[in-house]
Amino acid sequence: MTHDDIDGPSSAELAAIEMEWPLIAAELDLLDAEIAMLYAEDRGGPTVLDWRRVRRAEAAVTRAAEVVARTGTWEDPPPILSDPRRRVAPVGVAEAA
């Protein structure tokens, strides 16, 4: 999209944003966790739960980025994003049931 385009993003650009939205949302969650860590200094330092929140947010970003890179689509999001205990199987390897 150029600065001269007053009609907004094209359908293809909107589709690309939609495809990457889970990754964007995971990155926003990570940002929230990092901001909470900054404010934790006012409470005497981060707690174990603060650190866990950051680690989980980092893991969610990694999983979302891997899925976007591997599949290139979010029409059928895999269940790994809703359950942080599950891991993504390497590309070309079937996941154990």
Protein backbone atom coordinates (compact mmCIF):
# COMPACT_ATOMS: atom_id res chain seq x y z
CA MET A 1 0.00 0.00 0.00
CA THR A 2 1.33 3.40 -0.92
CA HIS A 3 0.74 6.72 0.78
CA ASP A 4 -1.26 7.78 -2.28
CA ASP A 5 -3.77 4.97 -1.76
CA ILE A 6 -6.74 6.48 0.06
CA ASP A 7 -8.94 3.40 -0.34
CA GLY A 8 -7.12 1.49 2.40
CA PRO A 9 -5.45 -1.90 2.23
CA SER A 10 -6.24 -4.31 -0.56
CA SER A 11 -7.95 -7.65 -0.02
CA ALA A 12 -4.61 -9.42 -0.29
CA GLU A 13 -3.08 -7.13 2.35
CA LEU A 14 -6.02 -7.69 4.68
CA ALA A 15 -5.73 -11.44 4.16
CA ALA A 16 -2.04 -11.31 5.06
CA ILE A 17 -2.82 -9.37 8.24
CA GLU A 18 -5.56 -11.85 9.11
CA MET A 19 -3.17 -14.75 8.58
CA GLU A 20 -0.58 -13.22 10.89
CA TRP A 21 -3.03 -11.97 13.52
CA PRO A 22 -2.42 -14.83 16.00
CA LEU A 23 1.28 -14.01 15.91
CA ILE A 24 0.54 -10.31 16.38
CA ALA A 25 -1.73 -11.13 19.33
CA ALA A 26 0.96 -13.35 20.89
CA GLU A 27 3.51 -10.56 20.50
CA LEU A 28 1.11 -8.12 22.19
CA ASP A 29 0.72 -10.58 25.09
CA LEU A 30 4.50 -10.73 25.39
CA LEU A 31 4.66 -6.95 25.42
CA ASP A 32 2.06 -6.86 28.21
CA ALA A 33 4.10 -9.38 30.22
CA GLU A 34 7.28 -7.35 29.73
CA ILE A 35 5.53 -4.14 30.81
CA ALA A 36 4.23 -5.95 33.91
CA MET A 37 7.84 -6.88 34.69
CA LEU A 38 8.82 -3.21 34.55
CA TYR A 39 6.02 -2.30 36.96
CA ALA A 40 7.00 -5.21 39.21
CA GLU A 41 10.06 -3.21 40.23
CA ASP A 42 7.68 -0.91 42.11
CA ARG A 43 6.40 -3.92 44.09
CA GLY A 44 9.85 -5.05 45.14
CA GLY A 45 10.73 -7.03 42.04
CA PRO A 46 9.14 -9.60 39.79
CA THR A 47 7.54 -12.66 41.33
CA VAL A 48 7.73 -16.24 40.15
CA LEU A 49 4.36 -15.71 38.46
CA ASP A 50 5.66 -12.63 36.63
CA TRP A 51 8.56 -14.66 35.23
CA ARG A 52 6.22 -17.52 34.30
CA ARG A 53 3.97 -15.11 32.42
CA VAL A 54 6.94 -13.86 30.39
CA ARG A 55 8.15 -17.40 29.63
CA ARG A 56 4.67 -18.50 28.54
CA ALA A 57 4.26 -15.42 26.37
CA GLU A 58 7.66 -16.04 24.76
CA ALA A 59 6.71 -19.66 24.10
CA ALA A 60 3.38 -18.59 22.57
CA VAL A 61 5.19 -16.21 20.21
CA THR A 62 7.57 -18.97 19.18
CA ARG A 63 4.71 -21.42 18.54
CA ALA A 64 2.67 -18.88 16.60
CA ALA A 65 5.66 -17.85 14.49
CA GLU A 66 6.48 -21.48 13.73
CA VAL A 67 2.91 -22.22 12.66
CA VAL A 68 2.74 -19.14 10.44
CA ALA A 69 6.08 -20.05 8.86
CA ARG A 70 5.16 -23.72 8.42
CA THR A 71 1.59 -23.47 7.21
CA GLY A 72 1.24 -19.96 5.92
CA THR A 73 -2.44 -20.10 6.81
CA TRP A 74 -4.72 -19.80 9.81
CA GLU A 75 -7.93 -21.20 8.32
CA ASP A 76 -7.64 -24.15 10.68
CA PRO A 77 -5.49 -23.04 13.64
CA PRO A 78 -3.79 -26.00 15.31
CA PRO A 79 -4.69 -26.83 18.92
CA ILE A 80 -1.14 -26.09 20.11
CA LEU A 81 -2.01 -22.44 20.51
CA SER A 82 -4.73 -23.17 23.03
CA ASP A 83 -2.67 -25.67 25.02
CA PRO A 84 0.87 -24.52 25.86
CA ARG A 85 1.86 -28.03 27.00
CA ARG A 86 1.64 -29.37 23.45
CA ARG A 87 4.56 -28.97 21.11
CA VAL A 88 4.63 -28.61 17.36
CA ALA A 89 5.99 -31.63 15.53
CA PRO A 90 8.91 -30.88 13.21
CA VAL A 91 7.95 -30.23 9.61
CA GLY A 92 7.28 -33.53 7.85
CA VAL A 93 6.84 -35.51 11.08
CA ALA A 94 3.37 -36.61 12.14
CA GLU A 95 2.37 -35.62 15.66
CA ALA A 96 1.75 -38.48 18.10
CA ALA A 97 -1.84 -38.84 19.26
